[in-house]
Amino acid sequence: MTTEQGANGKAGLSEDRQWELALASLNRADQSTNYLRTLMFVAAGGLIFFVLPELRSALPKTALFAHLAAAALAGLAICILLYSWHIQRVKARERFGYLRDGNYDSYLQYDKAVETISSKRDSRIDFLSFVILLAAFALELVARYQALSEAMKTAPVPGVHV
């Protein structure tokens, strides 16, 4: 039976169903976080590969510096994402170790500690990675605007003599 009568007469979920529901919610949260990290990782990698050809062309120093800074920020975002993934992997291995050894009480204590202590830190790390990636994209847009404005100043217009 999936429902039980509570003390107030209302139907509720059994303890097994509550546990399944909690695990399903945790799995959905972990999966969405993985999708978000993957998306940011691909965006940062794409930005780096998009910027690399620009570094070889003859650019003004300011535009070249902006391209380099954008690539460096995208690389930093990737490093932060890898660190965030590492933290998640370590927590999963700790949980697995407690369950493998049959130490369910320690698992519950660890899980509660992780939820109260590190969940805010983990979300801040992912948000920091997003902000750094956003700054890298903004910097790259500024660099492209500068390069385009420099090209527009120096490019002669055919048929117009000044």
N, C-alpha and C. Protein backbone atom coordinates (compact mmCIF):
# COMPACT_ATOMS: atom_id res chain seq x y z
N MET A 1 0.84 -1.18 0.00
CA MET A 1 0.00 0.00 0.00
C MET A 1 0.89 1.24 0.00
N THR A 2 0.57 2.20 -0.83
CA THR A 2 1.41 3.38 -0.97
C THR A 2 0.97 4.53 -0.07
N THR A 3 -0.22 4.50 0.44
CA THR A 3 -0.66 5.59 1.31
C THR A 3 -1.07 5.05 2.67
N GLU A 4 -0.99 5.91 3.65
CA GLU A 4 -1.38 5.57 5.01
C GLU A 4 -2.29 6.66 5.53
N GLN A 5 -3.07 6.34 6.53
CA GLN A 5 -3.89 7.34 7.19
C GLN A 5 -3.06 7.99 8.28
N GLY A 6 -2.96 9.30 8.28
CA GLY A 6 -2.23 10.02 9.30
C GLY A 6 -3.08 10.21 10.55
N ALA A 7 -2.50 10.85 11.56
CA ALA A 7 -3.21 11.10 12.81
C ALA A 7 -4.38 12.05 12.60
N ASN A 8 -4.29 12.91 11.61
CA ASN A 8 -5.36 13.87 11.37
C ASN A 8 -6.40 13.34 10.39
N GLY A 9 -6.26 12.06 9.96
CA GLY A 9 -7.25 11.46 9.07
C GLY A 9 -6.96 11.66 7.60
N LYS A 10 -5.94 12.39 7.25
CA LYS A 10 -5.59 12.62 5.85
C LYS A 10 -4.67 11.51 5.36
N ALA A 11 -4.77 11.22 4.08
CA ALA A 11 -3.92 10.19 3.49
C ALA A 11 -2.52 10.74 3.29
N GLY A 12 -1.51 9.93 3.56
CA GLY A 12 -0.12 10.33 3.38
C GLY A 12 0.66 9.20 2.74
N LEU A 13 1.91 9.43 2.45
CA LEU A 13 2.75 8.42 1.84
C LEU A 13 3.38 7.54 2.91
N SER A 14 3.57 6.28 2.58
CA SER A 14 4.26 5.39 3.49
C SER A 14 5.73 5.79 3.57
N GLU A 15 6.42 5.27 4.55
CA GLU A 15 7.83 5.63 4.73
C GLU A 15 8.68 5.20 3.53
N ASP A 16 8.37 4.03 2.96
CA ASP A 16 9.11 3.57 1.78
C ASP A 16 8.88 4.50 0.59
N ARG A 17 7.64 4.91 0.39
CA ARG A 17 7.33 5.81 -0.73
C ARG A 17 7.95 7.19 -0.51
N GLN A 18 7.98 7.66 0.74
CA GLN A 18 8.63 8.95 1.03
C GLN A 18 10.11 8.87 0.69
N TRP A 19 10.75 7.75 1.03
CA TRP A 19 12.17 7.57 0.73
C TRP A 19 12.40 7.54 -0.78
N GLU A 20 11.54 6.84 -1.52
CA GLU A 20 11.65 6.79 -2.98
C GLU A 20 11.46 8.18 -3.58
N LEU A 21 10.52 8.93 -3.06
CA LEU A 21 10.26 10.28 -3.54
C LEU A 21 11.45 11.19 -3.26
N ALA A 22 12.04 11.06 -2.07
CA ALA A 22 13.22 11.86 -1.73
C ALA A 22 14.40 11.51 -2.63
N LEU A 23 14.62 10.23 -2.89
CA LEU A 23 15.71 9.82 -3.79
C LEU A 23 15.47 10.31 -5.22
N ALA A 24 14.22 10.25 -5.67
CA ALA A 24 13.91 10.74 -7.01
C ALA A 24 14.18 12.24 -7.12
N SER A 25 13.82 12.98 -6.08
CA SER A 25 14.09 14.43 -6.09
C SER A 25 15.59 14.71 -6.09
N LEU A 26 16.34 13.97 -5.29
CA LEU A 26 17.78 14.14 -5.25
C LEU A 26 18.41 13.80 -6.60
N ASN A 27 17.94 12.73 -7.23
CA ASN A 27 18.46 12.35 -8.55
C ASN A 27 18.16 13.42 -9.59
N ARG A 28 16.95 13.99 -9.56
CA ARG A 28 16.61 15.05 -10.50
C ARG A 28 17.48 16.28 -10.28
N ALA A 29 17.73 16.63 -9.04
CA ALA A 29 18.58 17.79 -8.74
C ALA A 29 20.01 17.54 -9.21
N ASP A 30 20.54 16.36 -8.94
CA ASP A 30 21.89 16.03 -9.39
C ASP A 30 21.98 16.02 -10.91
N GLN A 31 20.96 15.47 -11.55
CA GLN A 31 20.96 15.40 -13.01
C GLN A 31 20.89 16.79 -13.63
N SER A 32 20.06 17.66 -13.08
CA SER A 32 19.97 19.02 -13.64
C SER A 32 21.27 19.78 -13.41
N THR A 33 21.91 19.56 -12.27
CA THR A 33 23.20 20.20 -12.02
C THR A 33 24.24 19.70 -13.00
N ASN A 34 24.23 18.41 -13.29
CA ASN A 34 25.17 17.87 -14.27
C ASN A 34 24.93 18.45 -15.66
N TYR A 35 23.65 18.60 -16.03
CA TYR A 35 23.35 19.22 -17.33
C TYR A 35 23.85 20.66 -17.39
N LEU A 36 23.63 21.40 -16.31
CA LEU A 36 24.08 22.79 -16.26
C LEU A 36 25.60 22.87 -16.35
N ARG A 37 26.29 22.04 -15.60
CA ARG A 37 27.75 22.04 -15.66
C ARG A 37 28.25 21.65 -17.05
N THR A 38 27.60 20.68 -17.67
CA THR A 38 27.99 20.27 -19.02
C THR A 38 27.79 21.40 -20.00
N LEU A 39 26.67 22.08 -19.90
CA LEU A 39 26.40 23.21 -20.79
C LEU A 39 27.44 24.31 -20.62
N MET A 40 27.77 24.65 -19.37
CA MET A 40 28.78 25.69 -19.13
C MET A 40 30.17 25.23 -19.60
N PHE A 41 30.49 23.94 -19.41
CA PHE A 41 31.77 23.41 -19.86
C PHE A 41 31.89 23.50 -21.38
N VAL A 42 30.84 23.13 -22.08
CA VAL A 42 30.84 23.20 -23.55
C VAL A 42 30.93 24.66 -24.01
N ALA A 43 30.21 25.55 -23.35
CA ALA A 43 30.25 26.97 -23.72
C ALA A 43 31.65 27.54 -23.50
N ALA A 44 32.28 27.21 -22.38
CA ALA A 44 33.63 27.72 -22.11
C ALA A 44 34.63 27.14 -23.11
N GLY A 45 34.54 25.85 -23.38
CA GLY A 45 35.43 25.25 -24.37
C GLY A 45 35.20 25.83 -25.75
N GLY A 46 33.95 26.04 -26.11
CA GLY A 46 33.64 26.64 -27.40
C GLY A 46 34.19 28.05 -27.52
N LEU A 47 34.11 28.82 -26.44
CA LEU A 47 34.66 30.17 -26.45
C LEU A 47 36.17 30.15 -26.66
N ILE A 48 36.83 29.23 -25.98
CA ILE A 48 38.30 29.13 -26.14
C ILE A 48 38.65 28.80 -27.59
N PHE A 49 37.97 27.83 -28.19
CA PHE A 49 38.26 27.46 -29.57
C PHE A 49 37.83 28.56 -30.55
N PHE A 50 36.87 29.37 -30.16
CA PHE A 50 36.43 30.49 -30.99
C PHE A 50 37.44 31.63 -30.95
N VAL A 51 38.12 31.79 -29.80
CA VAL A 51 39.05 32.89 -29.61
C VAL A 51 40.44 32.56 -30.16
N LEU A 52 40.84 31.30 -30.12
CA LEU A 52 42.21 30.94 -30.51
C LEU A 52 42.62 31.43 -31.90
N PRO A 53 41.79 31.32 -32.94
CA PRO A 53 42.21 31.86 -34.24
C PRO A 53 42.43 33.37 -34.24
N GLU A 54 41.73 34.07 -33.37
CA GLU A 54 41.89 35.53 -33.29
C GLU A 54 43.25 35.92 -32.74
N LEU A 55 43.84 35.06 -31.95
CA LEU A 55 45.14 35.37 -31.36
C LEU A 55 46.26 35.36 -32.39
N ARG A 56 46.06 34.67 -33.48
CA ARG A 56 47.10 34.58 -34.51
C ARG A 56 47.09 35.78 -35.45
N SER A 57 45.96 36.46 -35.56
CA SER A 57 45.89 37.59 -36.48
C SER A 57 46.56 38.81 -35.88
N ALA A 58 46.94 39.72 -36.75
CA ALA A 58 47.59 40.96 -36.29
C ALA A 58 46.52 41.89 -35.74
N LEU A 59 46.50 42.03 -34.45
CA LEU A 59 45.50 42.86 -33.78
C LEU A 59 46.18 43.95 -32.98
N PRO A 60 45.45 45.01 -32.68
CA PRO A 60 45.98 45.99 -31.74
C PRO A 60 46.19 45.33 -30.38
N LYS A 61 47.08 45.90 -29.59
CA LYS A 61 47.41 45.29 -28.31
C LYS A 61 46.21 45.17 -27.38
N THR A 62 45.34 46.16 -27.38
CA THR A 62 44.18 46.10 -26.48
C THR A 62 43.24 44.96 -26.86
N ALA A 63 43.00 44.78 -28.15
CA ALA A 63 42.13 43.69 -28.60
C ALA A 63 42.78 42.34 -28.34
N LEU A 64 44.09 42.26 -28.57
CA LEU A 64 44.81 41.01 -28.31
C LEU A 64 44.75 40.67 -26.82
N PHE A 65 44.95 41.67 -25.97
CA PHE A 65 44.87 41.45 -24.52
C PHE A 65 43.46 41.01 -24.12
N ALA A 66 42.44 41.61 -24.71
CA ALA A 66 41.06 41.25 -24.39
C ALA A 66 40.76 39.81 -24.82
N HIS A 67 41.26 39.40 -26.00
CA HIS A 67 41.08 38.01 -26.44
C HIS A 67 41.77 37.04 -25.49
N LEU A 68 43.00 37.39 -25.10
CA LEU A 68 43.74 36.53 -24.16
C LEU A 68 43.01 36.44 -22.82
N ALA A 69 42.52 37.55 -22.34
CA ALA A 69 41.81 37.56 -21.06
C ALA A 69 40.52 36.75 -21.15
N ALA A 70 39.81 36.84 -22.26
CA ALA A 70 38.58 36.06 -22.42
C ALA A 70 38.89 34.57 -22.43
N ALA A 71 39.95 34.18 -23.14
CA ALA A 71 40.34 32.77 -23.16
C ALA A 71 40.78 32.31 -21.77
N ALA A 72 41.50 33.16 -21.05
CA ALA A 72 41.94 32.80 -19.70
C ALA A 72 40.74 32.66 -18.76
N LEU A 73 39.78 33.56 -18.86
CA LEU A 73 38.58 33.46 -18.02
C LEU A 73 37.77 32.20 -18.34
N ALA A 74 37.67 31.87 -19.61
CA ALA A 74 36.96 30.65 -19.99
C ALA A 74 37.70 29.42 -19.45
N GLY A 75 39.02 29.44 -19.50
CA GLY A 75 39.80 28.35 -18.92
C GLY A 75 39.61 28.25 -17.42
N LEU A 76 39.54 29.40 -16.75
CA LEU A 76 39.30 29.42 -15.31
C LEU A 76 37.91 28.86 -15.00
N ALA A 77 36.93 29.19 -15.80
CA ALA A 77 35.57 28.65 -15.60
C ALA A 77 35.58 27.13 -15.74
N ILE A 78 36.35 26.62 -16.70
CA ILE A 78 36.45 25.17 -16.86
C ILE A 78 37.10 24.55 -15.63
N CYS A 79 38.16 25.16 -15.12
CA CYS A 79 38.82 24.64 -13.92
C CYS A 79 37.87 24.62 -12.72
N ILE A 80 37.08 25.67 -12.56
CA ILE A 80 36.13 25.72 -11.45
C ILE A 80 35.05 24.66 -11.62
N LEU A 81 34.60 24.43 -12.85
CA LEU A 81 33.62 23.38 -13.09
C LEU A 81 34.19 22.00 -12.78
N LEU A 82 35.43 21.78 -13.14
CA LEU A 82 36.07 20.49 -12.82
C LEU A 82 36.22 20.32 -11.32
N TYR A 83 36.54 21.38 -10.61
CA TYR A 83 36.62 21.32 -9.15
C TYR A 83 35.25 21.01 -8.54
N SER A 84 34.21 21.63 -9.06
CA SER A 84 32.86 21.38 -8.58
C SER A 84 32.46 19.93 -8.82
N TRP A 85 32.80 19.41 -9.98
CA TRP A 85 32.52 18.00 -10.28
C TRP A 85 33.30 17.10 -9.33
N HIS A 86 34.53 17.45 -9.03
CA HIS A 86 35.36 16.66 -8.11
C HIS A 86 34.72 16.61 -6.72
N ILE A 87 34.23 17.74 -6.24
CA ILE A 87 33.57 17.78 -4.93
C ILE A 87 32.35 16.84 -4.93
N GLN A 88 31.57 16.90 -5.99
CA GLN A 88 30.38 16.05 -6.08
C GLN A 88 30.78 14.57 -6.11
N ARG A 89 31.84 14.24 -6.80
CA ARG A 89 32.31 12.86 -6.90
C ARG A 89 32.80 12.36 -5.53
N VAL A 90 33.52 13.19 -4.80
CA VAL A 90 34.01 12.80 -3.48
C VAL A 90 32.84 12.54 -2.53
N LYS A 91 31.83 13.39 -2.57
CA LYS A 91 30.66 13.19 -1.71
C LYS A 91 29.95 11.89 -2.06
N ALA A 92 29.81 11.59 -3.34
CA ALA A 92 29.15 10.36 -3.76
C ALA A 92 29.95 9.13 -3.31
N ARG A 93 31.26 9.21 -3.40
CA ARG A 93 32.10 8.08 -2.96
C ARG A 93 32.00 7.88 -1.44
N GLU A 94 31.93 8.98 -0.69
CA GLU A 94 31.77 8.87 0.76
C GLU A 94 30.44 8.20 1.10
N ARG A 95 29.37 8.64 0.45
CA ARG A 95 28.06 8.03 0.69
C ARG A 95 28.08 6.55 0.35
N PHE A 96 28.68 6.23 -0.79
CA PHE A 96 28.77 4.83 -1.21
C PHE A 96 29.55 4.01 -0.19
N GLY A 97 30.65 4.56 0.31
CA GLY A 97 31.45 3.84 1.30
C GLY A 97 30.67 3.52 2.56
N TYR A 98 29.89 4.48 3.04
CA TYR A 98 29.08 4.22 4.24
C TYR A 98 28.04 3.14 3.97
N LEU A 99 27.39 3.22 2.81
CA LEU A 99 26.36 2.22 2.50
C LEU A 99 26.97 0.85 2.24
N ARG A 100 28.11 0.81 1.58
CA ARG A 100 28.78 -0.47 1.29
C ARG A 100 29.17 -1.17 2.59
N ASP A 101 29.64 -0.41 3.57
CA ASP A 101 30.05 -0.98 4.84
C ASP A 101 28.87 -1.27 5.77
N GLY A 102 27.66 -0.95 5.33
CA GLY A 102 26.48 -1.21 6.14
C GLY A 102 26.31 -0.25 7.29
N ASN A 103 26.96 0.89 7.22
CA ASN A 103 26.90 1.88 8.29
C ASN A 103 25.87 2.95 7.92
N TYR A 104 24.60 2.57 8.00
CA TYR A 104 23.53 3.45 7.56
C TYR A 104 23.40 4.69 8.43
N ASP A 105 23.66 4.56 9.72
CA ASP A 105 23.57 5.72 10.61
C ASP A 105 24.61 6.78 10.23
N SER A 106 25.83 6.33 9.94
CA SER A 106 26.87 7.28 9.52
C SER A 106 26.52 7.91 8.18
N TYR A 107 25.89 7.12 7.30
CA TYR A 107 25.45 7.65 6.01
C TYR A 107 24.44 8.78 6.22
N LEU A 108 23.48 8.55 7.10
CA LEU A 108 22.47 9.58 7.36
C LEU A 108 23.09 10.84 7.96
N GLN A 109 24.03 10.66 8.90
CA GLN A 109 24.71 11.81 9.50
C GLN A 109 25.52 12.57 8.45
N TYR A 110 26.24 11.84 7.60
CA TYR A 110 27.04 12.48 6.56
C TYR A 110 26.14 13.22 5.57
N ASP A 111 25.06 12.57 5.18
CA ASP A 111 24.15 13.19 4.22
C ASP A 111 23.54 14.46 4.79
N LYS A 112 23.16 14.43 6.06
CA LYS A 112 22.59 15.64 6.69
C LYS A 112 23.65 16.75 6.78
N ALA A 113 24.88 16.37 7.13
CA ALA A 113 25.95 17.37 7.20
C ALA A 113 26.25 17.97 5.83
N VAL A 114 26.25 17.13 4.81
CA VAL A 114 26.51 17.62 3.45
C VAL A 114 25.42 18.59 3.03
N GLU A 115 24.18 18.24 3.33
CA GLU A 115 23.07 19.10 2.93
C GLU A 115 23.10 20.46 3.63
N THR A 116 23.50 20.47 4.90
CA THR A 116 23.48 21.74 5.63
C THR A 116 24.73 22.57 5.39
N ILE A 117 25.87 21.92 5.20
CA ILE A 117 27.13 22.66 5.10
C ILE A 117 27.51 22.96 3.67
N SER A 118 27.55 21.95 2.82
CA SER A 118 28.19 22.15 1.52
C SER A 118 27.23 22.48 0.39
N SER A 119 25.93 22.37 0.56
CA SER A 119 25.04 22.65 -0.56
C SER A 119 25.11 24.11 -0.99
N LYS A 120 25.21 25.03 -0.03
CA LYS A 120 25.34 26.45 -0.38
C LYS A 120 26.69 26.71 -1.04
N ARG A 121 27.74 26.08 -0.52
CA ARG A 121 29.06 26.26 -1.10
C ARG A 121 29.11 25.74 -2.53
N ASP A 122 28.51 24.58 -2.77
CA ASP A 122 28.52 24.00 -4.10
C ASP A 122 27.76 24.87 -5.10
N SER A 123 26.63 25.40 -4.69
CA SER A 123 25.88 26.27 -5.60
C SER A 123 26.63 27.58 -5.84
N ARG A 124 27.34 28.07 -4.84
CA ARG A 124 28.14 29.28 -5.04
C ARG A 124 29.29 29.03 -6.00
N ILE A 125 29.89 27.86 -5.92
CA ILE A 125 30.99 27.53 -6.84
C ILE A 125 30.46 27.48 -8.27
N ASP A 126 29.32 26.84 -8.48
CA ASP A 126 28.74 26.79 -9.82
C ASP A 126 28.34 28.18 -10.31
N PHE A 127 27.79 29.00 -9.41
CA PHE A 127 27.41 30.36 -9.79
C PHE A 127 28.65 31.19 -10.13
N LEU A 128 29.72 31.01 -9.37
CA LEU A 128 30.97 31.71 -9.67
C LEU A 128 31.48 31.33 -11.06
N SER A 129 31.40 30.06 -11.39
CA SER A 129 31.81 29.62 -12.71
C SER A 129 30.96 30.28 -13.80
N PHE A 130 29.66 30.39 -13.55
CA PHE A 130 28.78 31.04 -14.51
C PHE A 130 29.12 32.52 -14.69
N VAL A 131 29.39 33.21 -13.59
CA VAL A 131 29.72 34.63 -13.66
C VAL A 131 31.04 34.83 -14.40
N ILE A 132 32.02 33.99 -14.14
CA ILE A 132 33.31 34.10 -14.84
C ILE A 132 33.12 33.83 -16.33
N LEU A 133 32.31 32.84 -16.67
CA LEU A 133 32.04 32.54 -18.07
C LEU A 133 31.31 33.70 -18.74
N LEU A 134 30.38 34.30 -18.04
CA LEU A 134 29.66 35.46 -18.57
C LEU A 134 30.63 36.63 -18.80
N ALA A 135 31.56 36.82 -17.86
CA ALA A 135 32.56 37.88 -18.03
C ALA A 135 33.46 37.59 -19.22
N ALA A 136 33.79 36.33 -19.45
CA ALA A 136 34.62 35.97 -20.60
C ALA A 136 33.90 36.29 -21.91
N PHE A 137 32.61 35.96 -21.98
CA PHE A 137 31.84 36.29 -23.18
C PHE A 137 31.75 37.79 -23.38
N ALA A 138 31.51 38.54 -22.32
CA ALA A 138 31.43 39.99 -22.43
C ALA A 138 32.75 40.58 -22.90
N LEU A 139 33.83 40.08 -22.35
CA LEU A 139 35.16 40.56 -22.74
C LEU A 139 35.45 40.24 -24.20
N GLU A 140 35.03 39.09 -24.64
CA GLU A 140 35.23 38.73 -26.05
C GLU A 140 34.40 39.63 -26.97
N LEU A 141 33.19 39.96 -26.55
CA LEU A 141 32.38 40.89 -27.35
C LEU A 141 33.04 42.26 -27.43
N VAL A 142 33.61 42.73 -26.32
CA VAL A 142 34.32 44.01 -26.32
C VAL A 142 35.52 43.94 -27.25
N ALA A 143 36.26 42.84 -27.20
CA ALA A 143 37.43 42.69 -28.06
C ALA A 143 37.04 42.70 -29.52
N ARG A 144 35.97 42.02 -29.85
CA ARG A 144 35.53 41.99 -31.26
C ARG A 144 35.03 43.36 -31.70
N TYR A 145 34.36 44.08 -30.80
CA TYR A 145 33.91 45.42 -31.13
C TYR A 145 35.11 46.35 -31.37
N GLN A 146 36.14 46.23 -30.51
CA GLN A 146 37.34 47.05 -30.69
C GLN A 146 38.03 46.73 -32.00
N ALA A 147 38.17 45.46 -32.32
CA ALA A 147 38.82 45.06 -33.57
C ALA A 147 38.02 45.54 -34.77
N LEU A 148 36.71 45.45 -34.68
CA LEU A 148 35.87 45.91 -35.77
C LEU A 148 35.94 47.42 -35.93
N SER A 149 35.93 48.15 -34.83
CA SER A 149 36.00 49.61 -34.93
C SER A 149 37.36 50.05 -35.45
N GLU A 150 38.44 49.36 -35.08
CA GLU A 150 39.76 49.68 -35.64
C GLU A 150 39.80 49.39 -37.13
N ALA A 151 39.19 48.31 -37.56
CA ALA A 151 39.17 47.97 -38.99
C ALA A 151 38.34 48.97 -39.77
N MET A 152 37.26 49.46 -39.15
CA MET A 152 36.41 50.44 -39.84
C MET A 152 37.11 51.78 -39.98
N LYS A 153 37.96 52.14 -39.02
CA LYS A 153 38.68 53.41 -39.09
C LYS A 153 39.73 53.38 -40.20
N THR A 154 40.38 52.27 -40.37
CA THR A 154 41.50 52.21 -41.31
C THR A 154 41.11 51.75 -42.69
N ALA A 155 39.97 51.15 -42.85
CA ALA A 155 39.59 50.64 -44.17
C ALA A 155 39.12 51.78 -45.06
N PRO A 156 39.75 51.92 -46.20
CA PRO A 156 39.31 52.97 -47.12
C PRO A 156 38.00 52.55 -47.82
N VAL A 157 37.19 53.55 -48.07
CA VAL A 157 35.94 53.28 -48.79
C VAL A 157 36.23 53.52 -50.27
N PRO A 158 35.95 52.54 -51.12
CA PRO A 158 36.23 52.71 -52.55
C PRO A 158 35.43 53.86 -53.14
N GLY A 159 36.12 54.68 -53.92
CA GLY A 159 35.48 55.78 -54.61
C GLY A 159 35.38 57.06 -53.78
N VAL A 160 35.78 57.05 -52.53
CA VAL A 160 35.74 58.22 -51.70
C VAL A 160 37.16 58.64 -51.41
N HIS A 161 37.49 59.88 -51.72
CA HIS A 161 38.82 60.41 -51.48
C HIS A 161 38.74 61.50 -50.44
N VAL A 162 39.52 61.37 -49.44
CA VAL A 162 39.51 62.36 -48.37
C VAL A 162 40.79 63.14 -48.40
